[in-house]
Amino acid sequence: DGVDNTGVDNSRLYTQPEDIWDVYS
């Protein structure tokens, strides 16, 4: 849908547990 992440840095393809907890809380 026009959002192009083909060239994104590989590290951004992996979410960290702390980020998940921030969302959950």
PDB file of all heavy atoms in Angstrom:
ATOM      1  N   ASP A   1       0.814  -1.220   0.000  1.00  0.00           N
ATOM      2  CA  ASP A   1       0.000   0.000   0.000  1.00  0.00           C
ATOM      3  C   ASP A   1       0.848   1.271   0.000  1.00  0.00           C
ATOM      4  O   ASP A   1       0.560   2.234   0.705  1.00  0.00           O
ATOM      5  CB  ASP A   1      -0.950   0.006   1.199  1.00  0.00           C
ATOM      6  CG  ASP A   1      -2.206  -0.811   0.929  1.00  0.00           C
ATOM      7  OD1 ASP A   1      -2.467  -1.121  -0.247  1.00  0.00           O
ATOM      8  OD2 ASP A   1      -2.913  -1.141   1.888  1.00  0.00           O
ATOM      9  N   GLY A   2       1.914   1.255  -0.800  1.00  0.00           N
ATOM     10  CA  GLY A   2       2.723   2.461  -0.950  1.00  0.00           C
ATOM     11  C   GLY A   2       3.698   2.706   0.176  1.00  0.00           C
ATOM     12  O   GLY A   2       4.438   3.698   0.156  1.00  0.00           O
ATOM     13  N   VAL A   3       3.739   1.832   1.180  1.00  0.00           N
ATOM     14  CA  VAL A   3       4.723   1.945   2.258  1.00  0.00           C
ATOM     15  C   VAL A   3       5.867   0.999   1.919  1.00  0.00           C
ATOM     16  O   VAL A   3       5.717  -0.223   1.960  1.00  0.00           O
ATOM     17  CB  VAL A   3       4.112   1.581   3.629  1.00  0.00           C
ATOM     18  CG1 VAL A   3       5.171   1.652   4.715  1.00  0.00           C
ATOM     19  CG2 VAL A   3       2.954   2.526   3.941  1.00  0.00           C
ATOM     20  N   ASP A   4       7.022   1.573   1.547  1.00  0.00           N
ATOM     21  CA  ASP A   4       8.141   0.795   1.025  1.00  0.00           C
ATOM     22  C   ASP A   4       9.247   0.675   2.072  1.00  0.00           C
ATOM     23  O   ASP A   4       9.935   1.650   2.387  1.00  0.00           O
ATOM     24  CB  ASP A   4       8.689   1.461  -0.242  1.00  0.00           C
ATOM     25  CG  ASP A   4       9.694   0.579  -0.973  1.00  0.00           C
ATOM     26  OD1 ASP A   4      10.093  -0.460  -0.402  1.00  0.00           O
ATOM     27  OD2 ASP A   4      10.083   0.931  -2.100  1.00  0.00           O
ATOM     28  N   ASN A   5       9.408  -0.529   2.601  1.00  0.00           N
ATOM     29  CA  ASN A   5      10.453  -0.792   3.590  1.00  0.00           C
ATOM     30  C   ASN A   5      11.501  -1.752   3.045  1.00  0.00           C
ATOM     31  O   ASN A   5      12.172  -2.451   3.812  1.00  0.00           O
ATOM     32  CB  ASN A   5       9.837  -1.381   4.872  1.00  0.00           C
ATOM     33  CG  ASN A   5       8.991  -0.372   5.614  1.00  0.00           C
ATOM     34  OD1 ASN A   5       9.299   0.816   5.632  1.00  0.00           O
ATOM     35  ND2 ASN A   5       7.915  -0.839   6.247  1.00  0.00           N
ATOM     36  N   THR A   6      11.654  -1.780   1.725  1.00  0.00           N
ATOM     37  CA  THR A   6      12.579  -2.745   1.135  1.00  0.00           C
ATOM     38  C   THR A   6      14.034  -2.442   1.492  1.00  0.00           C
ATOM     39  O   THR A   6      14.862  -3.344   1.557  1.00  0.00           O
ATOM     40  CB  THR A   6      12.441  -2.759  -0.402  1.00  0.00           C
ATOM     41  OG1 THR A   6      12.548  -1.412  -0.905  1.00  0.00           O
ATOM     42  CG2 THR A   6      11.104  -3.337  -0.816  1.00  0.00           C
ATOM     43  N   GLY A   7      14.354  -1.187   1.748  1.00  0.00           N
ATOM     44  CA  GLY A   7      15.744  -0.835   2.045  1.00  0.00           C
ATOM     45  C   GLY A   7      16.008  -0.548   3.501  1.00  0.00           C
ATOM     46  O   GLY A   7      17.055  -0.002   3.858  1.00  0.00           O
ATOM     47  N   VAL A   8      15.099  -0.935   4.391  1.00  0.00           N
ATOM     48  CA  VAL A   8      15.238  -0.603   5.797  1.00  0.00           C
ATOM     49  C   VAL A   8      16.394  -1.378   6.421  1.00  0.00           C
ATOM     50  O   VAL A   8      16.724  -2.492   6.007  1.00  0.00           O
ATOM     51  CB  VAL A   8      13.915  -0.902   6.545  1.00  0.00           C
ATOM     52  CG1 VAL A   8      13.693  -2.401   6.684  1.00  0.00           C
ATOM     53  CG2 VAL A   8      13.902  -0.236   7.901  1.00  0.00           C
ATOM     54  N   ASP A   9      17.043  -0.775   7.401  1.00  0.00           N
ATOM     55  CA  ASP A   9      18.131  -1.434   8.113  1.00  0.00           C
ATOM     56  C   ASP A   9      17.616  -2.707   8.783  1.00  0.00           C
ATOM     57  O   ASP A   9      16.547  -2.721   9.402  1.00  0.00           O
ATOM     58  CB  ASP A   9      18.712  -0.490   9.171  1.00  0.00           C
ATOM     59  CG  ASP A   9      19.916  -1.100   9.871  1.00  0.00           C
ATOM     60  OD1 ASP A   9      21.038  -0.962   9.341  1.00  0.00           O
ATOM     61  OD2 ASP A   9      19.729  -1.704  10.939  1.00  0.00           O
ATOM     62  N   ASN A  10      18.380  -3.780   8.680  1.00  0.00           N
ATOM     63  CA  ASN A  10      17.943  -5.090   9.151  1.00  0.00           C
ATOM     64  C   ASN A  10      17.585  -5.086  10.638  1.00  0.00           C
ATOM     65  O   ASN A  10      16.664  -5.795  11.068  1.00  0.00           O
ATOM     66  CB  ASN A  10      19.045  -6.119   8.891  1.00  0.00           C
ATOM     67  CG  ASN A  10      18.578  -7.539   9.144  1.00  0.00           C
ATOM     68  OD1 ASN A  10      17.639  -8.001   8.512  1.00  0.00           O
ATOM     69  ND2 ASN A  10      19.225  -8.227  10.070  1.00  0.00           N
ATOM     70  N   SER A  11      18.272  -4.278  11.436  1.00  0.00           N
ATOM     71  CA  SER A  11      18.029  -4.269  12.878  1.00  0.00           C
ATOM     72  C   SER A  11      16.618  -3.805  13.223  1.00  0.00           C
ATOM     73  O   SER A  11      16.070  -4.161  14.279  1.00  0.00           O
ATOM     74  CB  SER A  11      19.050  -3.368  13.579  1.00  0.00           C
ATOM     75  OG  SER A  11      18.898  -2.027  13.167  1.00  0.00           O
ATOM     76  N   ARG A  12      16.009  -3.012  12.332  1.00  0.00           N
ATOM     77  CA  ARG A  12      14.671  -2.502  12.600  1.00  0.00           C
ATOM     78  C   ARG A  12      13.581  -3.553  12.366  1.00  0.00           C
ATOM     79  O   ARG A  12      12.413  -3.322  12.646  1.00  0.00           O
ATOM     80  CB  ARG A  12      14.394  -1.263  11.747  1.00  0.00           C
ATOM     81  CG  ARG A  12      15.327  -0.094  12.055  1.00  0.00           C
ATOM     82  CD  ARG A  12      14.934   1.137  11.293  1.00  0.00           C
ATOM     83  NE  ARG A  12      13.656   1.680  11.763  1.00  0.00           N
ATOM     84  CZ  ARG A  12      12.966   2.620  11.116  1.00  0.00           C
ATOM     85  NH1 ARG A  12      13.427   3.101   9.977  1.00  0.00           N
ATOM     86  NH2 ARG A  12      11.828   3.063  11.605  1.00  0.00           N
ATOM     87  N   LEU A  13      13.979  -4.725  11.838  1.00  0.00           N
ATOM     88  CA  LEU A  13      13.022  -5.801  11.592  1.00  0.00           C
ATOM     89  C   LEU A  13      12.813  -6.686  12.821  1.00  0.00           C
ATOM     90  O   LEU A  13      12.093  -7.678  12.753  1.00  0.00           O
ATOM     91  CB  LEU A  13      13.497  -6.672  10.421  1.00  0.00           C
ATOM     92  CG  LEU A  13      13.670  -5.976   9.064  1.00  0.00           C
ATOM     93  CD1 LEU A  13      14.182  -6.963   8.030  1.00  0.00           C
ATOM     94  CD2 LEU A  13      12.371  -5.353   8.599  1.00  0.00           C
ATOM     95  N   TYR A  14      13.446  -6.313  13.957  1.00  0.00           N
ATOM     96  CA  TYR A  14      13.334  -7.117  15.170  1.00  0.00           C
ATOM     97  C   TYR A  14      12.957  -6.217  16.345  1.00  0.00           C
ATOM     98  O   TYR A  14      13.709  -5.331  16.745  1.00  0.00           O
ATOM     99  CB  TYR A  14      14.649  -7.841  15.460  1.00  0.00           C
ATOM    100  CG  TYR A  14      15.066  -8.749  14.320  1.00  0.00           C
ATOM    101  CD1 TYR A  14      15.955  -8.302  13.348  1.00  0.00           C
ATOM    102  CD2 TYR A  14      14.544 -10.040  14.204  1.00  0.00           C
ATOM    103  CE1 TYR A  14      16.318  -9.116  12.291  1.00  0.00           C
ATOM    104  CE2 TYR A  14      14.904 -10.860  13.155  1.00  0.00           C
ATOM    105  CZ  TYR A  14      15.784 -10.401  12.196  1.00  0.00           C
ATOM    106  OH  TYR A  14      16.138 -11.200  11.151  1.00  0.00           O
ATOM    107  N   THR A  15      11.758  -6.452  16.907  1.00  0.00           N
ATOM    108  CA  THR A  15      11.256  -5.652  18.019  1.00  0.00           C
ATOM    109  C   THR A  15      11.879  -6.123  19.335  1.00  0.00           C
ATOM    110  O   THR A  15      12.126  -7.318  19.528  1.00  0.00           O
ATOM    111  CB  THR A  15       9.726  -5.783  18.115  1.00  0.00           C
ATOM    112  OG1 THR A  15       9.154  -5.524  16.825  1.00  0.00           O
ATOM    113  CG2 THR A  15       9.148  -4.790  19.104  1.00  0.00           C
ATOM    114  N   GLN A  16      12.100  -5.177  20.248  1.00  0.00           N
ATOM    115  CA  GLN A  16      12.681  -5.497  21.546  1.00  0.00           C
ATOM    116  C   GLN A  16      11.583  -5.706  22.598  1.00  0.00           C
ATOM    117  O   GLN A  16      10.517  -5.077  22.538  1.00  0.00           O
ATOM    118  CB  GLN A  16      13.615  -4.365  21.993  1.00  0.00           C
ATOM    119  CG  GLN A  16      14.771  -4.126  21.047  1.00  0.00           C
ATOM    120  CD  GLN A  16      15.589  -5.377  20.799  1.00  0.00           C
ATOM    121  OE1 GLN A  16      16.030  -6.037  21.754  1.00  0.00           O
ATOM    122  NE2 GLN A  16      15.785  -5.726  19.537  1.00  0.00           N
ATOM    123  N   PRO A  17      11.833  -6.580  23.592  1.00  0.00           N
ATOM    124  CA  PRO A  17      10.813  -6.851  24.632  1.00  0.00           C
ATOM    125  C   PRO A  17      10.366  -5.596  25.377  1.00  0.00           C
ATOM    126  O   PRO A  17       9.183  -5.476  25.738  1.00  0.00           O
ATOM    127  CB  PRO A  17      11.532  -7.828  25.568  1.00  0.00           C
ATOM    128  CG  PRO A  17      12.561  -8.493  24.713  1.00  0.00           C
ATOM    129  CD  PRO A  17      13.008  -7.459  23.737  1.00  0.00           C
ATOM    130  N   GLU A  18      11.276  -4.660  25.616  1.00  0.00           N
ATOM    131  CA  GLU A  18      10.925  -3.437  26.327  1.00  0.00           C
ATOM    132  C   GLU A  18       9.892  -2.620  25.550  1.00  0.00           C
ATOM    133  O   GLU A  18       9.002  -1.993  26.150  1.00  0.00           O
ATOM    134  CB  GLU A  18      12.168  -2.593  26.597  1.00  0.00           C
ATOM    135  CG  GLU A  18      13.177  -3.228  27.530  1.00  0.00           C
ATOM    136  CD  GLU A  18      14.099  -4.234  26.853  1.00  0.00           C
ATOM    137  OE1 GLU A  18      13.960  -4.443  25.619  1.00  0.00           O
ATOM    138  OE2 GLU A  18      14.951  -4.818  27.540  1.00  0.00           O
ATOM    139  N   ASP A  19      10.012  -2.636  24.223  1.00  0.00           N
ATOM    140  CA  ASP A  19       9.050  -1.906  23.388  1.00  0.00           C
ATOM    141  C   ASP A  19       7.669  -2.551  23.459  1.00  0.00           C
ATOM    142  O   ASP A  19       6.644  -1.855  23.524  1.00  0.00           O
ATOM    143  CB  ASP A  19       9.525  -1.875  21.937  1.00  0.00           C
ATOM    144  CG  ASP A  19      10.835  -1.112  21.773  1.00  0.00           C
ATOM    145  OD1 ASP A  19      11.096  -0.204  22.598  1.00  0.00           O
ATOM    146  OD2 ASP A  19      11.580  -1.408  20.828  1.00  0.00           O
ATOM    147  N   ILE A  20       7.640  -3.870  23.447  1.00  0.00           N
ATOM    148  CA  ILE A  20       6.373  -4.593  23.552  1.00  0.00           C
ATOM    149  C   ILE A  20       5.697  -4.279  24.882  1.00  0.00           C
ATOM    150  O   ILE A  20       4.479  -4.043  24.937  1.00  0.00           O
ATOM    151  CB  ILE A  20       6.600  -6.118  23.430  1.00  0.00           C
ATOM    152  CG1 ILE A  20       7.198  -6.471  22.059  1.00  0.00           C
ATOM    153  CG2 ILE A  20       5.295  -6.875  23.660  1.00  0.00           C
ATOM    154  CD1 ILE A  20       6.302  -6.187  20.900  1.00  0.00           C
ATOM    155  N   TRP A  21       6.477  -4.256  25.942  1.00  0.00           N
ATOM    156  CA  TRP A  21       5.906  -3.971  27.257  1.00  0.00           C
ATOM    157  C   TRP A  21       5.343  -2.556  27.319  1.00  0.00           C
ATOM    158  O   TRP A  21       4.287  -2.322  27.920  1.00  0.00           O
ATOM    159  CB  TRP A  21       6.935  -4.177  28.360  1.00  0.00           C
ATOM    160  CG  TRP A  21       6.408  -3.750  29.694  1.00  0.00           C
ATOM    161  CD1 TRP A  21       6.769  -2.672  30.430  1.00  0.00           C
ATOM    162  CD2 TRP A  21       5.342  -4.380  30.417  1.00  0.00           C
ATOM    163  NE1 TRP A  21       6.031  -2.584  31.577  1.00  0.00           N
ATOM    164  CE2 TRP A  21       5.139  -3.629  31.599  1.00  0.00           C
ATOM    165  CE3 TRP A  21       4.551  -5.510  30.196  1.00  0.00           C
ATOM    166  CZ2 TRP A  21       4.178  -3.963  32.547  1.00  0.00           C
ATOM    167  CZ3 TRP A  21       3.587  -5.836  31.139  1.00  0.00           C
ATOM    168  CH2 TRP A  21       3.401  -5.078  32.292  1.00  0.00           C
ATOM    169  N   ASP A  22       6.027  -1.594  26.696  1.00  0.00           N
ATOM    170  CA  ASP A  22       5.525  -0.213  26.673  1.00  0.00           C
ATOM    171  C   ASP A  22       4.156  -0.149  26.002  1.00  0.00           C
ATOM    172  O   ASP A  22       3.266   0.584  26.447  1.00  0.00           O
ATOM    173  CB  ASP A  22       6.520   0.699  25.949  1.00  0.00           C
ATOM    174  CG  ASP A  22       7.768   0.979  26.768  1.00  0.00           C
ATOM    175  OD1 ASP A  22       7.744   0.737  27.996  1.00  0.00           O
ATOM    176  OD2 ASP A  22       8.774   1.435  26.183  1.00  0.00           O
ATOM    177  N   VAL A  23       3.991  -0.919  24.924  1.00  0.00           N
ATOM    178  CA  VAL A  23       2.691  -0.977  24.240  1.00  0.00           C
ATOM    179  C   VAL A  23       1.652  -1.616  25.146  1.00  0.00           C
ATOM    180  O   VAL A  23       0.548  -1.085  25.338  1.00  0.00           O
ATOM    181  CB  VAL A  23       2.809  -1.776  22.918  1.00  0.00           C
ATOM    182  CG1 VAL A  23       1.425  -1.979  22.305  1.00  0.00           C
ATOM    183  CG2 VAL A  23       3.720  -1.061  21.938  1.00  0.00           C
ATOM    184  N   TYR A  24       1.997  -2.761  25.702  1.00  0.00           N
ATOM    185  CA  TYR A  24       1.050  -3.494  26.547  1.00  0.00           C
ATOM    186  C   TYR A  24       0.597  -2.651  27.736  1.00  0.00           C
ATOM    187  O   TYR A  24      -0.609  -2.584  28.044  1.00  0.00           O
ATOM    188  CB  TYR A  24       1.688  -4.794  27.031  1.00  0.00           C
ATOM    189  CG  TYR A  24       0.768  -5.630  27.895  1.00  0.00           C
ATOM    190  CD1 TYR A  24      -0.076  -6.582  27.324  1.00  0.00           C
ATOM    191  CD2 TYR A  24       0.726  -5.454  29.287  1.00  0.00           C
ATOM    192  CE1 TYR A  24      -0.936  -7.341  28.110  1.00  0.00           C
ATOM    193  CE2 TYR A  24      -0.126  -6.211  30.069  1.00  0.00           C
ATOM    194  CZ  TYR A  24      -0.956  -7.150  29.487  1.00  0.00           C
ATOM    195  OH  TYR A  24      -1.812  -7.895  30.261  1.00  0.00           O
ATOM    196  N   SER A  25       1.539  -2.013  28.401  1.00  0.00           N
ATOM    197  CA  SER A  25       1.193  -1.263  29.603  1.00  0.00           C
ATOM    198  C   SER A  25       0.304  -0.065  29.285  1.00  0.00           C
ATOM    199  O   SER A  25      -0.550   0.320  30.089  1.00  0.00           O
ATOM    200  CB  SER A  25       2.456  -0.812  30.337  1.00  0.00           C
ATOM    201  OG  SER A  25       3.275  -0.008  29.515  1.00  0.00           O
TER     202      SER A  25
END
